[in-house]
Amino acid sequence: MICPVCHFETIAGSDDCENCGADLRTSGLPTGAGGDVGAALLTEHLSELNPQRPVSVGPDDLVAAAVVLMQEHRIGCVTVESDRLIGILTERDIVLKLAGRPLEGILVRDVMTPDPVVLRGDDTIAVAIHKMAMGGFRHIPLVSGGKATGIVSARDLSHHLVTLIG
């Protein structure tokens, strides 16, 4: 992503320009075209979607136990927390990093995505869609005070879009 202020090339999904510190969370978002749906995407906050509360595990928990939790709750990810959010463990992490290997003895810390991209409840739906598209994410934790307070998934956003269109 190119910073619109200083034209420095930053890492896709970054909140701020690494060079000048400009806020990049809304850079590249549409500016209001799209009628009611476009307006809703730019004004509705993620907290209005009543995001699902995260299921959390610790970094020293076993991946096998995390998989059981994900199956029991029918979810695609768990947050990894100690005193704050330190990572996310997704189905994709497990499949890509452990395919064909037994899960016994493997710790969450060895498979999780550390320091995940996060959102806040007052971010708009457009910001979430933008971050997911730019980073190739299907799940993004919502945080407040360093703690995960919710999970926004691509499925949540697509269901909401259907209600806006329909």
Protein backbone atom coordinates (compact mmCIF):
# COMPACT_ATOMS: atom_id res chain seq x y z
CA MET A 1 0.00 0.00 0.00
CA ILE A 2 1.27 3.48 -0.86
CA CYS A 3 0.79 6.15 1.79
CA PRO A 4 -1.40 8.94 0.34
CA VAL A 5 0.48 11.56 2.40
CA CYS A 6 4.19 10.80 1.84
CA HIS A 7 3.94 8.12 -0.90
CA PHE A 8 6.02 5.65 1.15
CA GLU A 9 5.30 1.98 0.42
CA THR A 10 3.94 0.42 3.60
CA ILE A 11 2.97 -3.12 4.52
CA ALA A 12 -0.57 -3.99 3.41
CA GLY A 13 -2.95 -3.93 6.37
CA SER A 14 -0.90 -1.47 8.44
CA ASP A 15 -2.90 1.04 10.49
CA ASP A 16 -0.30 3.80 10.18
CA CYS A 17 2.38 4.76 7.67
CA GLU A 18 5.76 3.56 8.90
CA ASN A 19 7.40 6.66 7.42
CA CYS A 20 5.18 9.62 8.38
CA GLY A 21 2.67 8.09 10.81
CA ALA A 22 -0.40 8.99 8.71
CA ASP A 23 -3.60 7.08 9.53
CA LEU A 24 -4.06 4.46 6.81
CA ARG A 25 -7.17 2.76 8.22
CA THR A 26 -9.47 4.59 5.85
CA SER A 27 -7.07 5.07 2.94
CA GLY A 28 -8.42 3.53 -0.24
CA LEU A 29 -11.99 3.29 1.02
CA PRO A 30 -14.86 4.50 -1.12
CA THR A 31 -16.02 8.03 -0.39
CA GLY A 32 -19.77 7.60 -0.40
CA ALA A 33 -20.81 6.30 -3.80
CA GLY A 34 -23.15 3.33 -3.70
CA GLY A 35 -26.33 4.80 -2.27
CA ASP A 36 -27.78 3.42 0.95
CA VAL A 37 -25.49 0.37 1.00
CA GLY A 38 -22.38 2.50 0.50
CA ALA A 39 -23.50 4.94 3.18
CA ALA A 40 -24.16 2.09 5.61
CA LEU A 41 -20.71 0.61 5.03
CA LEU A 42 -19.12 3.95 5.77
CA THR A 43 -21.20 4.83 8.83
CA GLU A 44 -22.16 1.60 10.60
CA HIS A 45 -19.73 0.57 13.31
CA LEU A 46 -18.62 -3.00 13.88
CA SER A 47 -20.09 -2.92 17.39
CA GLU A 48 -23.54 -2.63 15.75
CA LEU A 49 -23.07 -6.13 14.27
CA ASN A 50 -23.04 -7.65 17.77
CA PRO A 51 -19.79 -9.49 17.06
CA GLN A 52 -19.31 -12.93 18.53
CA ARG A 53 -17.35 -13.05 21.80
CA PRO A 54 -13.98 -14.66 21.22
CA VAL A 55 -13.05 -18.08 22.53
CA SER A 56 -9.52 -17.76 23.89
CA VAL A 57 -6.63 -20.10 24.57
CA GLY A 58 -3.20 -19.54 26.03
CA PRO A 59 0.07 -19.70 24.10
CA ASP A 60 1.18 -22.77 26.07
CA ASP A 61 -2.05 -24.70 25.43
CA LEU A 62 -1.95 -27.65 23.06
CA VAL A 63 -3.12 -27.15 19.49
CA ALA A 64 -5.17 -30.35 19.82
CA ALA A 65 -7.15 -28.78 22.70
CA ALA A 66 -7.68 -25.60 20.65
CA VAL A 67 -9.00 -27.69 17.75
CA VAL A 68 -11.49 -29.37 20.09
CA LEU A 69 -12.68 -25.94 21.30
CA MET A 70 -13.08 -24.76 17.72
CA GLN A 71 -15.12 -27.87 16.88
CA GLU A 72 -17.30 -27.58 19.99
CA HIS A 73 -18.08 -23.91 19.34
CA ARG A 74 -18.28 -24.34 15.54
CA ILE A 75 -15.84 -21.47 14.97
CA GLY A 76 -12.93 -20.93 12.62
CA CYS A 77 -10.49 -19.35 15.07
CA VAL A 78 -9.54 -18.76 18.68
CA THR A 79 -7.73 -15.78 20.10
CA VAL A 80 -4.47 -16.35 21.95
CA GLU A 81 -4.15 -14.30 25.11
CA SER A 82 -1.92 -14.06 28.14
CA ASP A 83 -2.45 -10.70 29.83
CA ARG A 84 -3.42 -9.23 26.44
CA LEU A 85 -4.12 -10.43 22.89
CA ILE A 86 -0.89 -11.89 21.52
CA GLY A 87 -2.11 -13.95 18.57
CA ILE A 88 -4.84 -15.72 16.69
CA LEU A 89 -5.05 -19.40 15.75
CA THR A 90 -7.18 -20.09 12.69
CA GLU A 91 -8.21 -23.15 10.75
CA ARG A 92 -5.92 -21.91 8.00
CA ASP A 93 -2.93 -21.76 10.39
CA ILE A 94 -3.55 -25.36 11.41
CA VAL A 95 -4.02 -26.70 7.88
CA LEU A 96 -1.11 -24.83 6.30
CA LYS A 97 1.40 -25.32 9.11
CA LEU A 98 0.48 -28.79 10.37
CA ALA A 99 -1.00 -30.70 7.42
CA GLY A 100 -0.14 -34.36 7.72
CA ARG A 101 1.53 -34.00 11.12
CA PRO A 102 0.15 -35.37 14.37
CA LEU A 103 -1.07 -32.64 16.72
CA GLU A 104 0.18 -34.28 19.91
CA GLY A 105 2.59 -32.08 21.84
CA ILE A 106 2.40 -29.04 19.54
CA LEU A 107 1.83 -25.76 21.37
CA VAL A 108 -0.45 -22.97 20.18
CA ARG A 109 2.49 -20.50 20.26
CA ASP A 110 4.25 -22.56 17.58
CA VAL A 111 1.36 -22.37 15.10
CA MET A 112 -0.55 -19.14 15.85
CA THR A 113 -0.31 -15.93 13.90
CA PRO A 114 1.37 -13.54 16.35
CA ASP A 115 0.38 -9.87 16.70
CA PRO A 116 -2.67 -10.11 14.44
CA VAL A 117 -4.23 -7.18 12.65
CA VAL A 118 -7.01 -5.90 14.91
CA LEU A 119 -10.03 -3.65 14.71
CA ARG A 120 -11.99 -1.65 17.26
CA GLY A 121 -15.74 -1.61 17.82
CA ASP A 122 -15.95 1.97 16.53
CA ASP A 123 -14.29 1.06 13.20
CA THR A 124 -16.73 1.00 10.29
CA ILE A 125 -17.77 -2.01 8.29
CA ALA A 126 -15.91 -0.54 5.31
CA VAL A 127 -12.66 -0.52 7.33
CA ALA A 128 -13.16 -4.20 8.21
CA ILE A 129 -13.86 -5.19 4.61
CA HIS A 130 -10.83 -3.21 3.45
CA LYS A 131 -8.47 -4.80 6.01
CA MET A 132 -9.74 -8.30 5.23
CA ALA A 133 -9.35 -7.78 1.50
CA MET A 134 -5.89 -6.22 1.76
CA GLY A 135 -4.55 -8.80 4.22
CA GLY A 136 -6.38 -11.88 2.94
CA PHE A 137 -7.94 -12.45 6.37
CA ARG A 138 -11.18 -14.25 7.18
CA HIS A 139 -11.19 -13.33 10.88
CA ILE A 140 -10.08 -10.17 12.67
CA PRO A 141 -10.25 -9.69 16.44
CA LEU A 142 -11.88 -6.60 17.92
CA VAL A 143 -9.88 -5.19 20.81
CA SER A 144 -10.31 -2.75 23.64
CA GLY A 145 -7.54 -2.07 26.11
CA GLY A 146 -5.37 -4.77 24.57
CA LYS A 147 -7.98 -7.50 25.20
CA ALA A 148 -10.01 -9.26 22.53
CA THR A 149 -13.67 -8.31 22.89
CA GLY A 150 -15.06 -9.85 19.71
CA ILE A 151 -14.31 -11.52 16.40
CA VAL A 152 -15.47 -10.22 13.04
CA SER A 153 -15.51 -12.81 10.28
CA ALA A 154 -15.88 -12.52 6.54
CA ARG A 155 -19.06 -14.56 6.95
CA ASP A 156 -20.47 -11.99 9.42
CA LEU A 157 -19.76 -9.19 6.97
CA SER A 158 -21.19 -11.02 3.97
CA HIS A 159 -24.40 -11.84 5.89
CA HIS A 160 -24.72 -8.18 6.86
CA LEU A 161 -24.17 -7.08 3.26
CA VAL A 162 -26.94 -9.41 2.13
CA THR A 163 -29.34 -7.79 4.60
CA LEU A 164 -28.33 -4.32 3.38
CA ILE A 165 -28.83 -5.25 -0.28
CA GLY A 166 -31.95 -7.36 0.19
